[in-house]
N, C-alpha and C. Protein backbone atom coordinates (compact mmCIF):
# COMPACT_ATOMS: atom_id res chain seq x y z
N MET A 1 -14.69 16.83 1.51
CA MET A 1 -13.73 15.90 1.12
C MET A 1 -14.29 14.89 0.25
N PRO A 2 -13.75 14.58 -0.97
CA PRO A 2 -14.39 13.58 -1.83
C PRO A 2 -14.33 12.19 -1.34
N HIS A 3 -15.28 11.48 -1.67
CA HIS A 3 -15.38 10.06 -1.11
C HIS A 3 -14.38 9.15 -2.06
N ASP A 4 -13.35 8.76 -1.45
CA ASP A 4 -12.25 7.98 -2.19
C ASP A 4 -11.96 6.69 -1.36
N PRO A 5 -12.83 5.67 -1.66
CA PRO A 5 -12.68 4.42 -0.80
C PRO A 5 -11.40 3.81 -1.03
N VAL A 6 -10.94 3.06 -0.02
CA VAL A 6 -9.65 2.21 -0.11
C VAL A 6 -9.72 1.10 -1.19
N LYS A 7 -8.72 1.03 -1.95
CA LYS A 7 -8.81 -0.05 -2.98
C LYS A 7 -8.09 -1.20 -2.47
N GLN A 8 -8.79 -2.36 -2.79
CA GLN A 8 -8.25 -3.68 -2.49
C GLN A 8 -7.91 -4.39 -3.81
N PHE A 9 -6.76 -4.96 -3.90
CA PHE A 9 -6.42 -5.77 -5.11
C PHE A 9 -6.44 -7.22 -4.64
N SER A 10 -7.16 -7.97 -5.53
CA SER A 10 -7.11 -9.48 -5.28
C SER A 10 -6.29 -10.05 -6.42
N VAL A 11 -5.20 -10.46 -6.21
CA VAL A 11 -4.26 -11.00 -7.18
C VAL A 11 -4.40 -12.60 -7.18
N PHE A 12 -4.59 -13.03 -8.42
CA PHE A 12 -4.72 -14.51 -8.62
C PHE A 12 -3.43 -15.06 -8.96
N ALA A 13 -2.85 -16.00 -8.24
CA ALA A 13 -1.49 -16.55 -8.48
C ALA A 13 -1.56 -18.05 -8.43
N GLU A 14 -0.86 -18.60 -9.30
CA GLU A 14 -0.77 -20.13 -9.24
C GLU A 14 0.08 -20.52 -7.95
N ASN A 15 -0.31 -21.61 -7.39
CA ASN A 15 0.20 -21.97 -6.09
C ASN A 15 1.53 -22.63 -6.27
N ARG A 16 2.58 -21.93 -6.49
CA ARG A 16 3.93 -22.33 -6.58
C ARG A 16 4.92 -21.55 -5.89
N VAL A 17 6.02 -22.15 -5.52
CA VAL A 17 7.01 -21.56 -4.68
C VAL A 17 7.52 -20.26 -5.39
N GLY A 18 7.58 -19.08 -4.52
CA GLY A 18 8.15 -18.01 -5.12
C GLY A 18 7.22 -16.88 -5.61
N ARG A 19 5.91 -17.38 -5.92
CA ARG A 19 5.03 -16.35 -6.57
C ARG A 19 4.69 -15.12 -5.74
N LEU A 20 4.49 -15.40 -4.38
CA LEU A 20 4.28 -14.19 -3.49
C LEU A 20 5.48 -13.35 -3.39
N TYR A 21 6.56 -13.99 -3.26
CA TYR A 21 7.88 -13.23 -3.22
C TYR A 21 8.02 -12.42 -4.56
N ASP A 22 7.70 -12.96 -5.68
CA ASP A 22 7.71 -12.25 -6.90
C ASP A 22 6.91 -10.94 -6.92
N LEU A 23 5.68 -11.16 -6.37
CA LEU A 23 4.70 -10.04 -6.43
C LEU A 23 5.19 -8.87 -5.47
N THR A 24 5.58 -9.34 -4.27
CA THR A 24 6.00 -8.32 -3.18
C THR A 24 7.36 -7.61 -3.56
N SER A 25 8.19 -8.44 -4.36
CA SER A 25 9.46 -7.80 -4.83
C SER A 25 9.16 -6.83 -5.92
N LEU A 26 8.26 -7.12 -6.74
CA LEU A 26 7.92 -6.18 -7.90
C LEU A 26 7.37 -4.90 -7.35
N LEU A 27 6.56 -4.91 -6.31
CA LEU A 27 6.00 -3.79 -5.64
C LEU A 27 7.11 -3.02 -4.96
N LYS A 28 7.86 -3.64 -4.18
CA LYS A 28 8.93 -2.97 -3.44
C LYS A 28 9.95 -2.30 -4.26
N ASP A 29 10.37 -2.99 -5.38
CA ASP A 29 11.34 -2.48 -6.30
C ASP A 29 10.88 -1.17 -6.99
N ASN A 30 9.51 -1.08 -7.03
CA ASN A 30 8.99 0.18 -7.70
C ASN A 30 8.34 1.17 -6.76
N ASN A 31 8.76 1.00 -5.45
CA ASN A 31 8.34 1.92 -4.36
C ASN A 31 6.91 1.98 -4.24
N VAL A 32 6.23 0.81 -4.28
CA VAL A 32 4.82 0.60 -3.93
C VAL A 32 4.72 -0.12 -2.55
N HIS A 33 4.17 0.51 -1.54
CA HIS A 33 4.31 -0.12 -0.12
C HIS A 33 3.01 -0.93 0.14
N ILE A 34 3.21 -2.10 0.58
CA ILE A 34 2.07 -2.95 1.02
C ILE A 34 1.67 -2.56 2.39
N MET A 35 0.47 -2.09 2.49
CA MET A 35 -0.08 -1.58 3.82
C MET A 35 -0.81 -2.66 4.62
N ALA A 36 -1.37 -3.61 3.83
CA ALA A 36 -2.14 -4.78 4.46
C ALA A 36 -2.13 -5.90 3.45
N ILE A 37 -2.06 -7.11 3.87
CA ILE A 37 -2.12 -8.22 3.06
C ILE A 37 -2.68 -9.53 3.79
N THR A 38 -3.32 -10.33 2.99
CA THR A 38 -3.79 -11.63 3.44
C THR A 38 -3.85 -12.55 2.24
N VAL A 39 -3.63 -13.86 2.47
CA VAL A 39 -3.49 -14.75 1.32
C VAL A 39 -4.51 -15.93 1.65
N LEU A 40 -5.32 -16.10 0.64
CA LEU A 40 -6.37 -17.23 0.61
C LEU A 40 -5.79 -18.43 -0.20
N ASP A 41 -5.43 -19.54 0.36
CA ASP A 41 -4.82 -20.64 -0.26
C ASP A 41 -5.86 -21.70 -0.68
N THR A 42 -5.82 -22.14 -1.96
CA THR A 42 -6.50 -23.21 -2.31
C THR A 42 -5.47 -24.26 -2.92
N THR A 43 -5.98 -25.41 -3.36
CA THR A 43 -5.20 -26.54 -3.83
C THR A 43 -4.19 -26.11 -4.88
N ASP A 44 -4.70 -25.45 -5.89
CA ASP A 44 -3.87 -25.11 -7.02
C ASP A 44 -3.59 -23.59 -7.39
N SER A 45 -4.38 -22.72 -6.54
CA SER A 45 -4.10 -21.31 -6.71
C SER A 45 -4.17 -20.66 -5.37
N SER A 46 -3.83 -19.23 -5.40
CA SER A 46 -3.95 -18.50 -4.24
C SER A 46 -4.55 -17.15 -4.59
N ILE A 47 -5.25 -16.55 -3.71
CA ILE A 47 -5.71 -15.19 -3.92
C ILE A 47 -5.03 -14.35 -2.82
N ILE A 48 -4.18 -13.39 -3.40
CA ILE A 48 -3.42 -12.49 -2.50
C ILE A 48 -4.14 -11.18 -2.45
N ARG A 49 -4.79 -10.87 -1.23
CA ARG A 49 -5.56 -9.63 -1.14
C ARG A 49 -4.63 -8.63 -0.55
N LEU A 50 -4.50 -7.37 -1.13
CA LEU A 50 -3.64 -6.35 -0.59
C LEU A 50 -4.17 -4.99 -0.77
N VAL A 51 -3.71 -4.17 0.16
CA VAL A 51 -3.95 -2.71 0.13
C VAL A 51 -2.57 -2.01 -0.11
N VAL A 52 -2.44 -1.15 -0.92
CA VAL A 52 -1.14 -0.49 -1.18
C VAL A 52 -1.39 1.00 -1.06
N ASP A 53 -0.22 1.74 -1.00
CA ASP A 53 -0.23 3.14 -0.75
C ASP A 53 -0.29 3.91 -2.21
N ASP A 54 -0.20 3.10 -3.37
CA ASP A 54 -0.24 3.73 -4.73
C ASP A 54 -0.88 2.80 -5.61
N PRO A 55 -2.33 2.88 -5.57
CA PRO A 55 -3.03 1.86 -6.46
C PRO A 55 -2.84 2.00 -7.90
N PRO A 56 -2.67 3.23 -8.48
CA PRO A 56 -2.45 3.34 -9.87
C PRO A 56 -1.10 2.75 -10.35
N LYS A 57 -0.06 2.91 -9.60
CA LYS A 57 1.19 2.30 -9.83
C LYS A 57 1.15 0.76 -9.72
N ALA A 58 0.47 0.25 -8.75
CA ALA A 58 0.33 -1.17 -8.47
C ALA A 58 -0.42 -1.80 -9.74
N ARG A 59 -1.51 -1.10 -10.09
CA ARG A 59 -2.27 -1.58 -11.25
C ARG A 59 -1.42 -1.77 -12.49
N GLU A 60 -0.64 -0.67 -12.76
CA GLU A 60 0.19 -0.69 -13.92
C GLU A 60 1.22 -1.78 -13.81
N LEU A 61 1.80 -2.03 -12.66
CA LEU A 61 2.83 -3.07 -12.51
C LEU A 61 2.23 -4.50 -12.68
N MET A 62 0.98 -4.76 -12.13
CA MET A 62 0.41 -5.98 -12.28
C MET A 62 0.05 -6.42 -13.67
N VAL A 63 -0.48 -5.35 -14.38
CA VAL A 63 -0.83 -5.52 -15.84
C VAL A 63 0.48 -5.83 -16.66
N ASN A 64 1.52 -5.13 -16.46
CA ASN A 64 2.77 -5.25 -17.20
C ASN A 64 3.57 -6.50 -16.92
N ASN A 65 3.21 -7.14 -15.80
CA ASN A 65 3.91 -8.20 -15.36
C ASN A 65 3.13 -9.55 -15.14
N ASP A 66 2.09 -9.61 -15.87
CA ASP A 66 1.24 -10.75 -15.92
C ASP A 66 0.65 -11.24 -14.48
N PHE A 67 0.32 -10.37 -13.67
CA PHE A 67 -0.31 -10.79 -12.48
C PHE A 67 -1.91 -10.47 -12.59
N PRO A 68 -2.62 -11.43 -12.91
CA PRO A 68 -4.09 -11.20 -13.04
C PRO A 68 -4.66 -10.75 -11.72
N TYR A 69 -5.58 -9.78 -11.72
CA TYR A 69 -6.11 -9.22 -10.51
C TYR A 69 -7.51 -8.72 -10.73
N GLY A 70 -8.11 -8.66 -9.58
CA GLY A 70 -9.56 -7.94 -9.54
C GLY A 70 -9.27 -6.76 -8.54
N GLU A 71 -10.16 -5.75 -8.62
CA GLU A 71 -10.02 -4.62 -7.74
C GLU A 71 -11.47 -4.38 -7.20
N SER A 72 -11.44 -3.99 -5.94
CA SER A 72 -12.65 -3.64 -5.23
C SER A 72 -12.40 -2.61 -4.17
N ASN A 73 -13.52 -2.01 -3.67
CA ASN A 73 -13.31 -1.11 -2.55
C ASN A 73 -13.43 -2.02 -1.31
N ILE A 74 -12.65 -1.55 -0.23
CA ILE A 74 -12.67 -2.25 1.06
C ILE A 74 -12.89 -1.13 2.12
N LEU A 75 -13.55 -1.61 3.17
CA LEU A 75 -13.93 -0.74 4.31
C LEU A 75 -12.65 -0.94 5.25
N VAL A 76 -12.07 0.29 5.60
CA VAL A 76 -10.89 0.24 6.48
C VAL A 76 -11.30 1.14 7.61
N VAL A 77 -11.11 0.64 8.83
CA VAL A 77 -11.51 1.37 10.09
C VAL A 77 -10.13 1.42 10.86
N GLU A 78 -9.91 2.60 11.39
CA GLU A 78 -8.70 2.81 12.26
C GLU A 78 -9.15 2.53 13.76
N ILE A 79 -8.24 1.73 14.36
CA ILE A 79 -8.35 1.42 15.82
C ILE A 79 -7.14 1.82 16.53
N GLY A 80 -7.31 2.06 17.82
CA GLY A 80 -6.18 2.35 18.72
C GLY A 80 -5.29 1.10 18.93
N ASP A 81 -5.94 0.05 19.21
CA ASP A 81 -5.33 -1.35 19.42
C ASP A 81 -6.27 -2.49 19.35
N GLU A 82 -5.83 -3.60 19.68
CA GLU A 82 -6.79 -4.83 19.36
C GLU A 82 -7.94 -4.78 20.33
N SER A 83 -7.86 -4.10 21.48
CA SER A 83 -9.02 -4.05 22.38
C SER A 83 -10.24 -3.41 21.72
N GLU A 84 -10.07 -2.64 20.73
CA GLU A 84 -11.24 -1.92 20.11
C GLU A 84 -11.97 -2.88 19.06
N LEU A 85 -11.35 -4.00 18.76
CA LEU A 85 -12.00 -4.89 17.74
C LEU A 85 -13.38 -5.35 18.12
N ARG A 86 -13.58 -5.58 19.29
CA ARG A 86 -14.94 -5.97 19.84
C ARG A 86 -15.95 -4.82 19.58
N SER A 87 -15.58 -3.71 19.85
CA SER A 87 -16.48 -2.54 19.61
C SER A 87 -16.83 -2.30 18.12
N VAL A 88 -15.81 -2.59 17.25
CA VAL A 88 -16.04 -2.44 15.86
C VAL A 88 -17.08 -3.61 15.42
N LEU A 89 -16.84 -4.78 15.89
CA LEU A 89 -17.82 -5.83 15.58
C LEU A 89 -19.08 -5.64 16.00
N SER A 90 -19.12 -5.06 17.34
CA SER A 90 -20.46 -4.74 18.01
C SER A 90 -21.36 -3.80 17.18
N ALA A 91 -20.60 -2.84 16.57
CA ALA A 91 -21.27 -1.71 15.85
C ALA A 91 -21.91 -2.44 14.57
N LEU A 92 -21.15 -3.22 13.99
CA LEU A 92 -21.60 -3.96 12.66
C LEU A 92 -22.73 -4.91 12.97
N LEU A 93 -22.62 -5.63 14.17
CA LEU A 93 -23.62 -6.57 14.55
C LEU A 93 -24.97 -5.76 14.82
N GLU A 94 -24.93 -4.65 15.47
CA GLU A 94 -26.14 -3.92 15.78
C GLU A 94 -26.86 -3.36 14.44
N ALA A 95 -25.91 -3.07 13.45
CA ALA A 95 -26.40 -2.64 12.20
C ALA A 95 -26.86 -3.76 11.25
N GLU A 96 -26.68 -5.05 11.75
CA GLU A 96 -27.02 -6.22 11.07
C GLU A 96 -26.21 -6.25 9.69
N ILE A 97 -24.93 -6.04 9.82
CA ILE A 97 -24.10 -5.98 8.58
C ILE A 97 -23.32 -7.41 8.64
N ASN A 98 -23.49 -8.18 7.60
CA ASN A 98 -22.67 -9.39 7.40
C ASN A 98 -21.27 -9.16 7.03
N ILE A 99 -20.32 -9.84 7.77
CA ILE A 99 -18.87 -9.62 7.46
C ILE A 99 -18.44 -10.86 6.71
N HIS A 100 -17.75 -10.58 5.48
CA HIS A 100 -17.23 -11.70 4.70
C HIS A 100 -15.77 -12.15 5.26
N TYR A 101 -14.98 -11.13 5.46
CA TYR A 101 -13.67 -11.39 5.96
C TYR A 101 -13.10 -10.11 6.53
N VAL A 102 -11.96 -10.32 7.36
CA VAL A 102 -11.26 -9.21 8.04
C VAL A 102 -9.74 -9.46 7.98
N TYR A 103 -9.00 -8.60 7.81
CA TYR A 103 -7.54 -8.65 7.96
C TYR A 103 -7.08 -7.38 8.54
N SER A 104 -5.78 -7.44 9.09
CA SER A 104 -5.26 -6.30 9.66
C SER A 104 -4.10 -5.69 8.78
N PHE A 105 -3.92 -4.38 9.16
CA PHE A 105 -2.85 -3.64 8.38
C PHE A 105 -1.46 -3.93 8.93
N ILE A 106 -0.53 -3.96 8.17
CA ILE A 106 0.98 -4.12 8.61
C ILE A 106 1.42 -2.72 9.15
N LYS A 107 1.16 -1.75 8.46
CA LYS A 107 1.61 -0.42 8.72
C LYS A 107 0.61 0.77 8.37
N ARG A 108 0.65 1.72 9.13
CA ARG A 108 -0.15 2.91 8.74
C ARG A 108 0.73 4.08 9.02
N PRO A 109 0.59 5.11 8.08
CA PRO A 109 1.43 6.32 8.18
C PRO A 109 1.27 7.07 9.55
N SER A 110 0.11 6.97 10.09
CA SER A 110 -0.21 7.72 11.40
C SER A 110 0.19 6.86 12.56
N ASP A 111 0.83 5.69 12.35
CA ASP A 111 1.17 4.79 13.38
C ASP A 111 0.05 4.31 14.34
N ARG A 112 -1.23 4.33 13.85
CA ARG A 112 -2.23 3.69 14.52
C ARG A 112 -2.63 2.39 13.74
N SER A 113 -3.28 1.49 14.39
CA SER A 113 -3.66 0.24 13.79
C SER A 113 -4.97 0.46 12.91
N ALA A 114 -5.16 -0.46 11.97
CA ALA A 114 -6.36 -0.41 11.14
C ALA A 114 -6.64 -1.82 10.74
N ILE A 115 -7.96 -2.05 10.47
CA ILE A 115 -8.36 -3.31 9.91
C ILE A 115 -9.23 -3.11 8.69
N ALA A 116 -8.99 -3.99 7.65
CA ALA A 116 -9.80 -4.08 6.49
C ALA A 116 -10.93 -5.03 6.67
N ILE A 117 -12.11 -4.63 6.25
CA ILE A 117 -13.35 -5.37 6.51
C ILE A 117 -14.06 -5.48 5.12
N SER A 118 -14.38 -6.75 4.74
CA SER A 118 -15.19 -6.96 3.50
C SER A 118 -16.56 -7.15 4.22
N ALA A 119 -17.46 -6.11 3.91
CA ALA A 119 -18.83 -6.22 4.52
C ALA A 119 -19.88 -6.25 3.42
N GLU A 120 -21.05 -6.87 3.76
CA GLU A 120 -22.07 -6.98 2.81
C GLU A 120 -22.55 -5.57 2.34
N ASP A 121 -22.62 -4.66 3.23
CA ASP A 121 -23.18 -3.27 2.94
C ASP A 121 -22.21 -2.24 3.41
N PRO A 122 -21.14 -1.91 2.63
CA PRO A 122 -20.14 -1.14 3.17
C PRO A 122 -20.58 0.37 3.55
N GLU A 123 -21.55 0.86 2.78
CA GLU A 123 -22.02 2.18 3.09
C GLU A 123 -22.65 2.25 4.51
N THR A 124 -23.54 1.39 4.79
CA THR A 124 -24.15 1.25 6.09
C THR A 124 -23.20 0.95 7.19
N ALA A 125 -22.25 -0.01 6.88
CA ALA A 125 -21.22 -0.36 7.83
C ALA A 125 -20.42 1.01 8.18
N ALA A 126 -20.06 1.74 7.25
CA ALA A 126 -19.29 2.91 7.41
C ALA A 126 -19.98 3.95 8.36
N GLN A 127 -21.34 4.10 8.05
CA GLN A 127 -22.25 4.91 8.91
C GLN A 127 -22.23 4.44 10.28
N ALA A 128 -22.43 3.15 10.51
CA ALA A 128 -22.56 2.64 11.77
C ALA A 128 -21.29 2.74 12.59
N LEU A 129 -20.09 2.60 11.97
CA LEU A 129 -18.83 2.77 12.60
C LEU A 129 -18.66 4.27 12.97
N GLY A 130 -18.94 5.20 12.01
CA GLY A 130 -18.83 6.48 12.21
C GLY A 130 -19.64 7.05 13.39
N GLN A 131 -20.90 6.44 13.61
CA GLN A 131 -21.65 6.86 14.65
C GLN A 131 -21.18 6.43 15.98
N ARG A 132 -20.30 5.36 16.06
CA ARG A 132 -19.62 4.93 17.23
C ARG A 132 -18.32 5.56 17.44
N GLY A 133 -17.97 6.62 16.60
CA GLY A 133 -16.77 7.34 16.77
C GLY A 133 -15.58 6.76 16.17
N PHE A 134 -15.66 5.76 15.26
CA PHE A 134 -14.58 5.17 14.57
C PHE A 134 -14.26 5.99 13.35
N LYS A 135 -13.08 6.08 13.00
CA LYS A 135 -12.67 6.78 11.75
C LYS A 135 -12.57 5.74 10.64
N VAL A 136 -13.43 5.88 9.58
CA VAL A 136 -13.32 5.01 8.45
C VAL A 136 -12.37 5.69 7.50
N LEU A 137 -11.40 5.05 7.03
CA LEU A 137 -10.28 5.67 6.27
C LEU A 137 -10.75 5.71 4.82
N GLN A 138 -10.04 6.73 4.10
CA GLN A 138 -10.20 6.74 2.64
C GLN A 138 -8.80 6.54 2.04
N GLN A 139 -8.72 6.30 0.72
CA GLN A 139 -7.47 5.98 0.17
C GLN A 139 -6.41 6.95 0.43
N ASN A 140 -6.82 8.23 0.44
CA ASN A 140 -5.77 9.24 0.62
C ASN A 140 -5.18 9.30 2.10
N ASP A 141 -5.97 8.60 3.04
CA ASP A 141 -5.42 8.41 4.41
C ASP A 141 -4.28 7.36 4.38
N ILE A 142 -4.26 6.54 3.41
CA ILE A 142 -3.31 5.39 3.31
C ILE A 142 -2.05 5.81 2.41
N SER A 143 -2.35 6.56 1.32
CA SER A 143 -1.35 6.84 0.44
C SER A 143 -0.35 7.83 1.01
N ARG A 144 0.87 7.62 0.60
CA ARG A 144 2.00 8.50 1.11
C ARG A 144 2.12 9.75 0.33
């Protein structure tokens, strides 16, 4: 199976009423499903981080509708429920992996929970989690 990491979009939006609504509406109206989302708010702007089921379509929509964005790979690990969070963090601690931020998925096609993790060394983090029996998801696990 080819290595196809999950894509995270970081959308840069001015901090004004309705901008998040505009972005989510644009995606929904074009059948792009938001699987995970978090918003980092600053005084005059926001960074909307999201994982979608159709990255190429999302990319096209953001370019054509003036939503500046960055794109990166994000580590996504499947968990049964919140009780497994400690084990995930323990595996990363033992591997001495620094975590920048974490956020949870809204929905997964297999109806299991998942968390997105921005980690200092994603390759080593994925190996450490795999050795503990956790499934690290690829983009094709998220896409419909």
